Amino acid sequence: MKKRILIVAPHPDDETLSLGGTISKMIDMGHEVQILTVAGHLPPLYTRKDYDLTIKEAHNAYKIMGIKLSKFLEIPSTMFGNEPIHELNGKICSVVNQFKPHYVFSPFPDRHIDHRLVFDSVLVATRPVNEGRNIEMVAAYETLSETHWNAPYIEPNFTANLVIDIGDYIEQKLTALRCYESQITENDGPRSIKAVRALAEFRGTQSGFDFGEALYVIRMVA
């Protein structure tokens, strides 16, 4: 049965970095995927030129993964504190109510403040009332360079309870990720192609296949 799947990304590249293989696989299976990107490299910390570059990179990555539906809220990165929380909640709720997703994937509430605030708003938008009653799964994904930097035992740590087999889609994911030339390196650092492949291989070996992407299921209706 065809499903509608909403991926909520705090910034351009988070969706591909975290779920590029899963997205490609779901689209290949005939499901409808929409990317909602909440924030980006906007003034005052960045220039509009910086933002426009990442949006161009995002659309190039979307094309490789097969994504046709996307929306950008254009909130400046790390400036969520200037956005009244009810307005942020309302913007995400509006997309949920219009798209009516069966599955919603959110960032894990990790070291990045934007990820934490987006996570909180997604949980508000996906409460099992009104349109939220039709949501079959809400899950959080891990994001390299942020999720694994939480302080052990002091902050919540990501412990996967669902791993998606992306063995047939790892190269498609990495090709899409390379579109983010301003954000991703080939071999250096946690946001590198090398690190992404290594994490995917690790998640796969945890579950009995070659490459995987991990989720923590928050709520699921069977």
N, C-alpha and C. Protein backbone atom coordinates (compact mmCIF):
# COMPACT_ATOMS: atom_id res chain seq x y z
N MET A 1 0.84 -1.19 0.00
CA MET A 1 0.00 0.00 0.00
C MET A 1 0.88 1.25 0.00
N LYS A 2 0.56 2.18 -0.86
CA LYS A 2 1.33 3.41 -0.97
C LYS A 2 1.19 4.26 0.30
N LYS A 3 2.31 4.74 0.83
CA LYS A 3 2.32 5.56 2.03
C LYS A 3 2.82 6.97 1.72
N ARG A 4 2.39 7.92 2.53
CA ARG A 4 2.92 9.28 2.48
C ARG A 4 3.89 9.43 3.65
N ILE A 5 5.10 9.86 3.34
CA ILE A 5 6.17 9.91 4.34
C ILE A 5 6.73 11.32 4.41
N LEU A 6 6.71 11.90 5.60
CA LEU A 6 7.23 13.25 5.82
C LEU A 6 8.55 13.15 6.57
N ILE A 7 9.60 13.72 5.97
CA ILE A 7 10.91 13.81 6.62
C ILE A 7 11.10 15.26 7.05
N VAL A 8 11.22 15.51 8.35
CA VAL A 8 11.43 16.86 8.84
C VAL A 8 12.93 17.04 9.10
N ALA A 9 13.55 17.93 8.34
CA ALA A 9 14.99 18.17 8.44
C ALA A 9 15.23 19.56 9.04
N PRO A 10 16.04 19.66 10.07
CA PRO A 10 16.35 21.00 10.60
C PRO A 10 17.03 21.88 9.56
N HIS A 11 17.97 21.31 8.77
CA HIS A 11 18.74 22.07 7.79
C HIS A 11 18.88 21.28 6.49
N PRO A 12 19.15 21.96 5.38
CA PRO A 12 19.48 21.24 4.15
C PRO A 12 20.70 20.34 4.39
N ASP A 13 20.63 19.15 3.98
CA ASP A 13 21.60 18.04 4.05
C ASP A 13 21.27 17.03 5.14
N ASP A 14 20.52 17.44 6.20
CA ASP A 14 20.20 16.51 7.28
C ASP A 14 19.40 15.31 6.77
N GLU A 15 18.51 15.57 5.83
CA GLU A 15 17.66 14.48 5.33
C GLU A 15 18.49 13.43 4.59
N THR A 16 19.46 13.87 3.80
CA THR A 16 20.29 12.94 3.03
C THR A 16 21.33 12.28 3.92
N LEU A 17 21.94 13.06 4.77
CA LEU A 17 22.94 12.56 5.71
C LEU A 17 22.38 11.43 6.57
N SER A 18 21.13 11.61 7.01
CA SER A 18 20.53 10.67 7.95
C SER A 18 19.75 9.55 7.28
N LEU A 19 19.00 9.88 6.22
CA LEU A 19 18.02 8.94 5.66
C LEU A 19 18.07 8.86 4.14
N GLY A 20 19.20 9.23 3.54
CA GLY A 20 19.27 9.25 2.08
C GLY A 20 18.97 7.90 1.44
N GLY A 21 19.43 6.83 2.06
CA GLY A 21 19.16 5.50 1.51
C GLY A 21 17.72 5.10 1.70
N THR A 22 17.17 5.37 2.87
CA THR A 22 15.77 5.05 3.16
C THR A 22 14.84 5.83 2.24
N ILE A 23 15.12 7.11 2.05
CA ILE A 23 14.31 7.93 1.16
C ILE A 23 14.31 7.35 -0.25
N SER A 24 15.50 7.06 -0.76
CA SER A 24 15.61 6.51 -2.12
C SER A 24 14.85 5.19 -2.23
N LYS A 25 14.96 4.36 -1.21
CA LYS A 25 14.29 3.05 -1.21
C LYS A 25 12.77 3.22 -1.19
N MET A 26 12.28 4.11 -0.34
CA MET A 26 10.83 4.30 -0.22
C MET A 26 10.24 4.85 -1.52
N ILE A 27 10.95 5.78 -2.14
CA ILE A 27 10.47 6.32 -3.41
C ILE A 27 10.47 5.24 -4.47
N ASP A 28 11.51 4.42 -4.48
CA ASP A 28 11.60 3.32 -5.45
C ASP A 28 10.47 2.32 -5.25
N MET A 29 9.99 2.19 -4.02
CA MET A 29 8.88 1.27 -3.71
C MET A 29 7.52 1.88 -4.05
N GLY A 30 7.50 3.14 -4.47
CA GLY A 30 6.26 3.77 -4.88
C GLY A 30 5.62 4.66 -3.84
N HIS A 31 6.29 4.86 -2.70
CA HIS A 31 5.75 5.73 -1.67
C HIS A 31 6.00 7.20 -2.02
N GLU A 32 5.22 8.08 -1.42
CA GLU A 32 5.33 9.52 -1.66
C GLU A 32 6.08 10.16 -0.50
N VAL A 33 7.17 10.83 -0.81
CA VAL A 33 8.02 11.42 0.23
C VAL A 33 8.06 12.93 0.07
N GLN A 34 7.86 13.63 1.19
CA GLN A 34 8.03 15.08 1.21
C GLN A 34 9.10 15.44 2.24
N ILE A 35 9.97 16.38 1.87
CA ILE A 35 10.98 16.91 2.78
C ILE A 35 10.55 18.28 3.27
N LEU A 36 10.47 18.45 4.58
CA LEU A 36 10.23 19.75 5.18
C LEU A 36 11.52 20.20 5.85
N THR A 37 12.14 21.25 5.30
CA THR A 37 13.38 21.78 5.87
C THR A 37 13.03 23.05 6.65
N VAL A 38 13.36 23.04 7.92
CA VAL A 38 12.89 24.10 8.82
C VAL A 38 13.79 25.32 8.79
N ALA A 39 15.09 25.12 8.86
CA ALA A 39 16.03 26.25 8.98
C ALA A 39 17.10 26.18 7.91
N GLY A 40 17.99 27.16 7.91
CA GLY A 40 19.06 27.17 6.92
C GLY A 40 20.07 28.25 7.21
N HIS A 41 21.09 28.33 6.36
CA HIS A 41 22.19 29.27 6.53
C HIS A 41 21.76 30.67 6.06
N LEU A 42 21.05 31.35 6.92
CA LEU A 42 20.49 32.67 6.61
C LEU A 42 21.08 33.73 7.53
N PRO A 43 20.97 35.03 7.14
CA PRO A 43 21.40 36.11 8.03
C PRO A 43 20.64 36.01 9.37
N PRO A 44 21.28 36.42 10.50
CA PRO A 44 22.49 37.24 10.57
C PRO A 44 23.80 36.46 10.61
N LEU A 45 23.77 35.16 10.83
CA LEU A 45 25.02 34.41 10.96
C LEU A 45 25.65 34.09 9.60
N TYR A 46 24.83 34.00 8.57
CA TYR A 46 25.30 33.66 7.22
C TYR A 46 24.74 34.69 6.24
N THR A 47 25.14 34.58 5.00
CA THR A 47 24.61 35.48 3.97
C THR A 47 23.51 34.76 3.19
N ARG A 48 22.70 35.53 2.51
CA ARG A 48 21.68 34.93 1.67
C ARG A 48 22.31 34.08 0.57
N LYS A 49 23.49 34.46 0.14
CA LYS A 49 24.21 33.69 -0.87
C LYS A 49 24.54 32.30 -0.34
N ASP A 50 24.94 32.21 0.93
CA ASP A 50 25.22 30.91 1.56
C ASP A 50 23.97 30.04 1.53
N TYR A 51 22.84 30.64 1.88
CA TYR A 51 21.58 29.88 1.91
C TYR A 51 21.19 29.39 0.53
N ASP A 52 21.26 30.30 -0.44
CA ASP A 52 20.86 29.93 -1.81
C ASP A 52 21.72 28.79 -2.34
N LEU A 53 22.99 28.76 -1.96
CA LEU A 53 23.87 27.68 -2.39
C LEU A 53 23.41 26.34 -1.82
N THR A 54 23.08 26.31 -0.52
CA THR A 54 22.65 25.05 0.08
C THR A 54 21.31 24.59 -0.48
N ILE A 55 20.44 25.52 -0.84
CA ILE A 55 19.16 25.14 -1.43
C ILE A 55 19.37 24.54 -2.82
N LYS A 56 20.29 25.11 -3.57
CA LYS A 56 20.62 24.55 -4.87
C LYS A 56 21.19 23.15 -4.71
N GLU A 57 22.07 22.98 -3.73
CA GLU A 57 22.64 21.66 -3.46
C GLU A 57 21.55 20.67 -3.06
N ALA A 58 20.60 21.15 -2.25
CA ALA A 58 19.50 20.28 -1.81
C ALA A 58 18.68 19.78 -2.99
N HIS A 59 18.34 20.67 -3.89
CA HIS A 59 17.54 20.26 -5.05
C HIS A 59 18.30 19.28 -5.94
N ASN A 60 19.61 19.44 -6.03
CA ASN A 60 20.41 18.48 -6.80
C ASN A 60 20.38 17.10 -6.13
N ALA A 61 20.47 17.09 -4.80
CA ALA A 61 20.39 15.83 -4.07
C ALA A 61 19.01 15.21 -4.19
N TYR A 62 17.96 16.04 -4.11
CA TYR A 62 16.59 15.53 -4.23
C TYR A 62 16.38 14.83 -5.58
N LYS A 63 16.95 15.41 -6.61
CA LYS A 63 16.79 14.84 -7.95
C LYS A 63 17.38 13.43 -8.01
N ILE A 64 18.53 13.25 -7.37
CA ILE A 64 19.17 11.92 -7.38
C ILE A 64 18.34 10.91 -6.59
N MET A 65 17.74 11.35 -5.48
CA MET A 65 16.94 10.45 -4.66
C MET A 65 15.53 10.25 -5.19
N GLY A 66 15.10 11.14 -6.09
CA GLY A 66 13.76 11.03 -6.65
C GLY A 66 12.71 11.85 -5.93
N ILE A 67 13.13 12.78 -5.07
CA ILE A 67 12.20 13.59 -4.29
C ILE A 67 11.57 14.67 -5.17
N LYS A 68 10.25 14.75 -5.14
CA LYS A 68 9.53 15.75 -5.93
C LYS A 68 8.81 16.78 -5.05
N LEU A 69 8.60 16.46 -3.78
CA LEU A 69 7.88 17.35 -2.88
C LEU A 69 8.82 17.87 -1.80
N SER A 70 8.91 19.19 -1.67
CA SER A 70 9.76 19.77 -0.64
C SER A 70 9.23 21.14 -0.25
N LYS A 71 9.54 21.53 0.99
CA LYS A 71 9.13 22.84 1.49
C LYS A 71 10.22 23.36 2.42
N PHE A 72 10.53 24.66 2.32
CA PHE A 72 11.56 25.29 3.13
C PHE A 72 10.91 26.43 3.94
N LEU A 73 11.04 26.38 5.28
CA LEU A 73 10.43 27.39 6.13
C LEU A 73 11.30 28.63 6.27
N GLU A 74 12.59 28.52 5.97
CA GLU A 74 13.52 29.66 5.95
C GLU A 74 13.63 30.38 7.30
N ILE A 75 13.84 29.61 8.35
CA ILE A 75 14.17 30.17 9.66
C ILE A 75 15.69 30.16 9.81
N PRO A 76 16.32 31.25 10.23
CA PRO A 76 17.78 31.27 10.36
C PRO A 76 18.29 30.22 11.34
N SER A 77 19.34 29.52 10.98
CA SER A 77 19.93 28.50 11.85
C SER A 77 20.33 29.07 13.19
N THR A 78 20.10 28.31 14.24
CA THR A 78 20.41 28.63 15.64
C THR A 78 19.67 29.86 16.16
N MET A 79 18.70 30.36 15.38
CA MET A 79 17.94 31.54 15.79
C MET A 79 16.50 31.18 16.13
N PHE A 80 16.25 29.93 16.43
CA PHE A 80 14.90 29.49 16.74
C PHE A 80 14.33 30.22 17.95
N GLY A 81 15.23 30.70 18.82
CA GLY A 81 14.78 31.41 20.01
C GLY A 81 14.03 32.69 19.68
N ASN A 82 14.23 33.22 18.49
CA ASN A 82 13.51 34.42 18.07
C ASN A 82 12.14 34.09 17.48
N GLU A 83 11.88 32.79 17.30
CA GLU A 83 10.61 32.34 16.70
C GLU A 83 9.69 31.89 17.84
N PRO A 84 8.57 32.58 18.06
CA PRO A 84 7.64 32.13 19.10
C PRO A 84 7.30 30.65 18.90
N ILE A 85 7.36 29.89 19.98
CA ILE A 85 7.23 28.44 19.86
C ILE A 85 5.89 28.04 19.25
N HIS A 86 4.84 28.79 19.54
CA HIS A 86 3.54 28.43 18.97
C HIS A 86 3.53 28.65 17.46
N GLU A 87 4.34 29.60 16.98
CA GLU A 87 4.41 29.82 15.53
C GLU A 87 5.18 28.70 14.84
N LEU A 88 6.29 28.27 15.45
CA LEU A 88 7.04 27.15 14.89
C LEU A 88 6.18 25.89 14.88
N ASN A 89 5.52 25.63 16.01
CA ASN A 89 4.62 24.47 16.06
C ASN A 89 3.55 24.55 14.98
N GLY A 90 3.01 25.75 14.82
CA GLY A 90 1.93 25.93 13.84
C GLY A 90 2.39 25.70 12.41
N LYS A 91 3.62 26.12 12.09
CA LYS A 91 4.14 25.93 10.73
C LYS A 91 4.32 24.44 10.42
N ILE A 92 4.85 23.69 11.38
CA ILE A 92 5.03 22.26 11.16
C ILE A 92 3.70 21.54 11.16
N CYS A 93 2.79 21.93 12.06
CA CYS A 93 1.45 21.35 12.08
C CYS A 93 0.73 21.57 10.75
N SER A 94 0.92 22.73 10.15
CA SER A 94 0.26 23.04 8.89
C SER A 94 0.69 22.07 7.80
N VAL A 95 1.97 21.77 7.74
CA VAL A 95 2.47 20.82 6.73
C VAL A 95 1.93 19.42 7.01
N VAL A 96 1.91 19.02 8.27
CA VAL A 96 1.36 17.71 8.64
C VAL A 96 -0.11 17.62 8.25
N ASN A 97 -0.86 18.66 8.54
CA ASN A 97 -2.30 18.64 8.24
C ASN A 97 -2.57 18.63 6.73
N GLN A 98 -1.72 19.30 5.96
CA GLN A 98 -1.93 19.34 4.52
C GLN A 98 -1.47 18.05 3.83
N PHE A 99 -0.33 17.52 4.25
CA PHE A 99 0.25 16.35 3.59
C PHE A 99 -0.38 15.05 4.08
N LYS A 100 -0.84 15.05 5.34
CA LYS A 100 -1.47 13.87 5.94
C LYS A 100 -0.57 12.63 5.86
N PRO A 101 0.61 12.70 6.45
CA PRO A 101 1.56 11.59 6.31
C PRO A 101 1.14 10.36 7.12
N HIS A 102 1.57 9.20 6.63
CA HIS A 102 1.44 7.96 7.39
C HIS A 102 2.64 7.77 8.31
N TYR A 103 3.84 8.17 7.84
CA TYR A 103 5.07 8.08 8.62
C TYR A 103 5.68 9.47 8.73
N VAL A 104 6.19 9.79 9.91
CA VAL A 104 6.89 11.06 10.12
C VAL A 104 8.24 10.75 10.76
N PHE A 105 9.32 11.23 10.13
CA PHE A 105 10.66 11.04 10.65
C PHE A 105 11.23 12.38 11.08
N SER A 106 11.70 12.44 12.31
CA SER A 106 12.16 13.67 12.95
C SER A 106 13.62 13.53 13.37
N PRO A 107 14.35 14.64 13.52
CA PRO A 107 15.70 14.52 14.08
C PRO A 107 15.63 14.09 15.54
N PHE A 108 16.64 13.34 15.98
CA PHE A 108 16.78 13.00 17.39
C PHE A 108 17.18 14.26 18.14
N PRO A 109 16.68 14.46 19.38
CA PRO A 109 17.02 15.68 20.14
C PRO A 109 18.45 15.64 20.66
N ASP A 110 19.38 16.04 19.82
CA ASP A 110 20.80 15.87 20.13
C ASP A 110 21.47 17.18 20.49
N ARG A 111 22.80 17.23 20.26
CA ARG A 111 23.62 18.37 20.70
C ARG A 111 23.25 19.67 20.02
N HIS A 112 22.66 19.61 18.82
CA HIS A 112 22.33 20.83 18.08
C HIS A 112 20.98 21.36 18.56
N ILE A 113 20.96 22.60 19.01
CA ILE A 113 19.73 23.18 19.56
C ILE A 113 18.60 23.17 18.54
N ASP A 114 18.92 23.37 17.26
CA ASP A 114 17.88 23.33 16.23
C ASP A 114 17.22 21.95 16.16
N HIS A 115 18.01 20.91 16.30
CA HIS A 115 17.47 19.55 16.26
C HIS A 115 16.51 19.32 17.44
N ARG A 116 16.89 19.84 18.60
CA ARG A 116 16.06 19.66 19.79
C ARG A 116 14.71 20.37 19.64
N LEU A 117 14.76 21.58 19.15
CA LEU A 117 13.52 22.36 19.03
C LEU A 117 12.62 21.81 17.93
N VAL A 118 13.22 21.35 16.83
CA VAL A 118 12.43 20.73 15.77
C VAL A 118 11.79 19.45 16.28
N PHE A 119 12.55 18.65 17.03
CA PHE A 119 12.00 17.42 17.61
C PHE A 119 10.77 17.74 18.47
N ASP A 120 10.89 18.74 19.34
CA ASP A 120 9.77 19.10 20.21
C ASP A 120 8.54 19.50 19.40
N SER A 121 8.75 20.29 18.35
CA SER A 121 7.63 20.75 17.53
C SER A 121 7.01 19.60 16.74
N VAL A 122 7.84 18.67 16.27
CA VAL A 122 7.30 17.52 15.54
C VAL A 122 6.42 16.68 16.45
N LEU A 123 6.82 16.51 17.72
CA LEU A 123 5.99 15.73 18.63
C LEU A 123 4.66 16.42 18.92
N VAL A 124 4.66 17.73 18.92
CA VAL A 124 3.40 18.47 19.05
C VAL A 124 2.53 18.26 17.81
N ALA A 125 3.16 18.35 16.64
CA ALA A 125 2.41 18.27 15.38
C ALA A 125 1.89 16.87 15.10
N THR A 126 2.48 15.86 15.72
CA THR A 126 2.09 14.49 15.42
C THR A 126 1.33 13.83 16.57
N ARG A 127 0.84 14.61 17.51
CA ARG A 127 0.05 14.02 18.58
C ARG A 127 -1.14 13.26 18.00
N PRO A 128 -1.54 12.15 18.62
CA PRO A 128 -2.61 11.33 18.05
C PRO A 128 -4.00 11.91 18.25
N VAL A 129 -4.19 13.13 17.76
CA VAL A 129 -5.50 13.79 17.74
C VAL A 129 -5.70 14.38 16.35
N ASN A 130 -6.94 14.58 15.95
CA ASN A 130 -7.25 15.15 14.64
C ASN A 130 -6.49 14.39 13.54
N GLU A 131 -5.71 15.09 12.69
CA GLU A 131 -4.98 14.42 11.61
C GLU A 131 -3.92 13.46 12.15
N GLY A 132 -3.45 13.75 13.35
CA GLY A 132 -2.42 12.91 13.94
C GLY A 132 -2.87 11.49 14.22
N ARG A 133 -4.15 11.26 14.30
CA ARG A 133 -4.65 9.91 14.56
C ARG A 133 -4.39 8.97 13.39
N ASN A 134 -4.14 9.52 12.22
CA ASN A 134 -3.89 8.69 11.04
C ASN A 134 -2.40 8.41 10.82
N ILE A 135 -1.54 8.97 11.68
CA ILE A 135 -0.11 8.72 11.56
C ILE A 135 0.20 7.35 12.14
N GLU A 136 0.83 6.51 11.34
CA GLU A 136 1.10 5.13 11.75
C GLU A 136 2.45 4.98 12.45
N MET A 137 3.38 5.88 12.17
CA MET A 137 4.70 5.80 12.81
C MET A 137 5.31 7.19 12.94
N VAL A 138 5.87 7.45 14.12
CA VAL A 138 6.71 8.62 14.36
C VAL A 138 8.04 8.09 14.86
N ALA A 139 9.13 8.47 14.20
CA ALA A 139 10.45 7.95 14.57
C ALA A 139 11.50 9.04 14.44
N ALA A 140 12.57 8.92 15.23
CA ALA A 140 13.68 9.87 15.21
C ALA A 140 14.89 9.23 14.54
N TYR A 141 15.59 10.01 13.74
CA TYR A 141 16.78 9.52 13.04
C TYR A 141 18.05 10.13 13.66
N GLU A 142 19.18 9.49 13.40
CA GLU A 142 20.46 9.98 13.90
C GLU A 142 21.15 10.82 12.83
N THR A 143 21.86 11.85 13.28
CA THR A 143 22.57 12.75 12.38
C THR A 143 24.03 12.80 12.77
N LEU A 144 24.90 12.31 11.91
CA LEU A 144 26.33 12.34 12.19
C LEU A 144 26.81 13.76 12.50
N SER A 145 27.68 13.87 13.47
CA SER A 145 28.31 15.10 13.96
C SER A 145 27.47 15.80 15.01
N GLU A 146 26.28 15.30 15.30
CA GLU A 146 25.45 15.91 16.35
C GLU A 146 24.90 14.85 17.31
N THR A 147 24.23 13.82 16.78
CA THR A 147 23.54 12.85 17.62
C THR A 147 24.48 12.12 18.56
N HIS A 148 25.72 11.86 18.13
CA HIS A 148 26.62 11.05 18.93
C HIS A 148 27.49 11.88 19.86
N TRP A 149 27.19 13.19 19.95
CA TRP A 149 27.96 14.06 20.84
C TRP A 149 27.20 14.40 22.13
N ASN A 150 26.01 13.82 22.32
CA ASN A 150 25.32 14.04 23.59
C ASN A 150 26.14 13.46 24.74
N ALA A 151 26.03 14.09 25.91
CA ALA A 151 26.80 13.64 27.07
C ALA A 151 26.19 12.35 27.63
N PRO A 152 26.94 11.24 27.67
CA PRO A 152 26.40 9.96 28.13
C PRO A 152 25.80 10.06 29.54
N TYR A 153 24.61 9.51 29.70
CA TYR A 153 23.88 9.41 30.98
C TYR A 153 23.35 10.75 31.49
N ILE A 154 23.79 11.84 30.91
CA ILE A 154 23.28 13.16 31.30
C ILE A 154 22.18 13.60 30.34
N GLU A 155 22.42 13.33 29.06
CA GLU A 155 21.46 13.64 28.02
C GLU A 155 20.96 12.33 27.39
N PRO A 156 19.82 12.38 26.69
CA PRO A 156 19.36 11.15 26.02
C PRO A 156 20.35 10.71 24.96
N ASN A 157 20.59 9.42 24.89
CA ASN A 157 21.49 8.86 23.88
C ASN A 157 20.69 8.07 22.86
N PHE A 158 21.13 8.11 21.62
CA PHE A 158 20.42 7.44 20.54
C PHE A 158 20.68 5.93 20.61
N THR A 159 19.60 5.17 20.78
CA THR A 159 19.66 3.71 20.78
C THR A 159 18.66 3.21 19.76
N ALA A 160 19.15 2.72 18.65
CA ALA A 160 18.27 2.34 17.54
C ALA A 160 17.38 1.15 17.93
N ASN A 161 16.13 1.21 17.53
CA ASN A 161 15.26 0.03 17.66
C ASN A 161 14.62 -0.34 16.32
N LEU A 162 15.07 0.31 15.25
CA LEU A 162 14.65 -0.04 13.89
C LEU A 162 15.79 0.33 12.95
N VAL A 163 16.20 -0.61 12.12
CA VAL A 163 17.25 -0.35 11.12
C VAL A 163 16.72 -0.73 9.75
N ILE A 164 16.81 0.20 8.81
CA ILE A 164 16.36 -0.01 7.45
C ILE A 164 17.51 -0.53 6.60
N ASP A 165 17.29 -1.60 5.88
CA ASP A 165 18.30 -2.17 4.98
C ASP A 165 18.43 -1.27 3.75
N ILE A 166 19.60 -0.65 3.59
CA ILE A 166 19.82 0.23 2.42
C ILE A 166 20.96 -0.29 1.55
N GLY A 167 21.18 -1.60 1.63
CA GLY A 167 22.29 -2.18 0.86
C GLY A 167 22.26 -1.86 -0.61
N ASP A 168 21.05 -1.83 -1.19
CA ASP A 168 20.91 -1.53 -2.62
C ASP A 168 20.92 -0.04 -2.91
N TYR A 169 20.98 0.79 -1.85
CA TYR A 169 20.83 2.23 -2.04
C TYR A 169 21.97 3.04 -1.44
N ILE A 170 22.99 2.39 -0.91
CA ILE A 170 24.09 3.12 -0.27
C ILE A 170 24.81 4.02 -1.27
N GLU A 171 25.04 3.54 -2.49
CA GLU A 171 25.75 4.37 -3.46
C GLU A 171 24.90 5.55 -3.92
N GLN A 172 23.59 5.33 -4.04
CA GLN A 172 22.68 6.42 -4.40
C GLN A 172 22.69 7.49 -3.31
N LYS A 173 22.68 7.03 -2.05
CA LYS A 173 22.75 7.97 -0.94
C LYS A 173 24.03 8.79 -0.98
N LEU A 174 25.16 8.13 -1.17
CA LEU A 174 26.43 8.84 -1.16
C LEU A 174 26.56 9.79 -2.35
N THR A 175 26.01 9.40 -3.50
CA THR A 175 26.01 10.29 -4.67
C THR A 175 25.19 11.54 -4.38
N ALA A 176 24.02 11.35 -3.75
CA ALA A 176 23.18 12.50 -3.39
C ALA A 176 23.88 13.37 -2.36
N LEU A 177 24.54 12.74 -1.41
CA LEU A 177 25.21 13.50 -0.35
C LEU A 177 26.35 14.35 -0.90
N ARG A 178 27.00 13.85 -1.92
CA ARG A 178 28.10 14.62 -2.53
C ARG A 178 27.61 15.91 -3.18
N CYS A 179 26.32 16.04 -3.41
CA CYS A 179 25.78 17.29 -3.96
C CYS A 179 25.98 18.44 -2.97
N TYR A 180 26.06 18.13 -1.68
CA TYR A 180 26.25 19.17 -0.66
C TYR A 180 27.74 19.48 -0.53
N GLU A 181 28.31 20.02 -1.58
CA GLU A 181 29.74 20.29 -1.60
C GLU A 181 30.16 21.31 -0.54
N SER A 182 29.25 22.20 -0.16
CA SER A 182 29.60 23.21 0.84
C SER A 182 29.56 22.65 2.26
N GLN A 183 29.02 21.46 2.45
CA GLN A 183 28.82 20.90 3.78
C GLN A 183 29.57 19.59 4.02
N ILE A 184 29.79 18.81 2.98
CA ILE A 184 30.28 17.44 3.11
C ILE A 184 31.68 17.31 2.50
N THR A 185 32.58 16.63 3.21
CA THR A 185 33.89 16.33 2.67
C THR A 185 33.93 14.86 2.26
N GLU A 186 34.99 14.48 1.57
CA GLU A 186 35.09 13.10 1.12
C GLU A 186 35.64 12.18 2.21
N ASN A 187 36.67 12.65 2.94
CA ASN A 187 37.35 11.75 3.89
C ASN A 187 37.56 12.32 5.28
N ASP A 188 37.41 13.62 5.46
CA ASP A 188 37.78 14.25 6.72
C ASP A 188 36.56 14.62 7.56
N GLY A 189 36.60 14.25 8.84
CA GLY A 189 35.59 14.70 9.78
C GLY A 189 34.34 13.84 9.82
N PRO A 190 33.45 14.14 10.77
CA PRO A 190 32.25 13.34 10.97
C PRO A 190 31.21 13.49 9.87
N ARG A 191 31.25 14.59 9.14
CA ARG A 191 30.30 14.77 8.03
C ARG A 191 31.02 14.50 6.71
N SER A 192 31.62 13.35 6.62
CA SER A 192 32.34 12.97 5.42
C SER A 192 31.69 11.74 4.80
N ILE A 193 31.94 11.54 3.52
CA ILE A 193 31.44 10.35 2.85
C ILE A 193 31.99 9.10 3.53
N LYS A 194 33.25 9.15 3.93
CA LYS A 194 33.88 8.03 4.62
C LYS A 194 33.14 7.69 5.91
N ALA A 195 32.81 8.70 6.71
CA ALA A 195 32.13 8.47 7.99
C ALA A 195 30.71 7.98 7.78
N VAL A 196 30.01 8.53 6.78
CA VAL A 196 28.63 8.11 6.50
C VAL A 196 28.59 6.65 6.07
N ARG A 197 29.50 6.27 5.21
CA ARG A 197 29.57 4.86 4.78
C ARG A 197 29.88 3.95 5.98
N ALA A 198 30.80 4.40 6.84
CA ALA A 198 31.19 3.59 7.99
C ALA A 198 30.01 3.37 8.94
N LEU A 199 29.25 4.43 9.20
CA LEU A 199 28.08 4.30 10.08
C LEU A 199 27.04 3.38 9.45
N ALA A 200 26.80 3.53 8.15
CA ALA A 200 25.83 2.67 7.47
C ALA A 200 26.25 1.21 7.52
N GLU A 201 27.56 0.98 7.40
CA GLU A 201 28.05 -0.41 7.46
C GLU A 201 27.89 -0.96 8.88
N PHE A 202 28.18 -0.13 9.87
CA PHE A 202 28.01 -0.55 11.27
C PHE A 202 26.55 -0.87 11.57
N ARG A 203 25.64 0.01 11.18
CA ARG A 203 24.21 -0.23 11.43
C ARG A 203 23.74 -1.49 10.70
N GLY A 204 24.27 -1.71 9.52
CA GLY A 204 23.90 -2.91 8.78
C GLY A 204 24.37 -4.17 9.49
N THR A 205 25.62 -4.17 9.95
CA THR A 205 26.13 -5.37 10.61
C THR A 205 25.41 -5.65 11.92
N GLN A 206 24.86 -4.62 12.56
CA GLN A 206 24.06 -4.83 13.76
C GLN A 206 22.79 -5.63 13.48
N SER A 207 22.35 -5.59 12.22
CA SER A 207 21.04 -6.14 11.89
C SER A 207 21.09 -7.25 10.84
N GLY A 208 22.30 -7.65 10.42
CA GLY A 208 22.40 -8.79 9.55
C GLY A 208 22.42 -8.49 8.07
N PHE A 209 22.71 -7.24 7.69
CA PHE A 209 22.87 -6.93 6.28
C PHE A 209 24.03 -5.97 6.09
N ASP A 210 24.28 -5.59 4.84
CA ASP A 210 25.51 -4.86 4.54
C ASP A 210 25.51 -3.41 5.02
N PHE A 211 24.44 -2.68 4.72
CA PHE A 211 24.37 -1.26 5.07
C PHE A 211 22.98 -0.95 5.61
N GLY A 212 22.92 -0.08 6.61
CA GLY A 212 21.63 0.27 7.19
C GLY A 212 21.57 1.71 7.64
N GLU A 213 20.35 2.18 7.89
CA GLU A 213 20.09 3.48 8.51
C GLU A 213 19.19 3.25 9.71
N ALA A 214 19.56 3.89 10.83
CA ALA A 214 18.91 3.58 12.10
C ALA A 214 17.88 4.64 12.48
N LEU A 215 16.83 4.16 13.16
CA LEU A 215 15.77 5.00 13.68
C LEU A 215 15.44 4.58 15.11
N TYR A 216 14.89 5.52 15.86
CA TYR A 216 14.29 5.18 17.13
C TYR A 216 12.79 5.44 17.02
N VAL A 217 12.00 4.36 17.09
CA VAL A 217 10.56 4.48 16.93
C VAL A 217 9.96 5.05 18.21
N ILE A 218 9.27 6.18 18.07
CA ILE A 218 8.63 6.84 19.20
C ILE A 218 7.21 6.32 19.39
N ARG A 219 6.52 6.18 18.30
CA ARG A 219 5.13 5.67 18.36
C ARG A 219 4.85 4.94 17.05
N MET A 220 4.23 3.78 17.15
CA MET A 220 3.88 3.03 15.95
C MET A 220 2.54 2.33 16.16
N VAL A 221 1.70 2.39 15.17
CA VAL A 221 0.40 1.73 15.20
C VAL A 221 0.44 0.58 14.22
N ALA A 222 0.15 -0.62 14.68
CA ALA A 222 0.18 -1.81 13.82
C ALA A 222 -1.25 -2.20 13.44
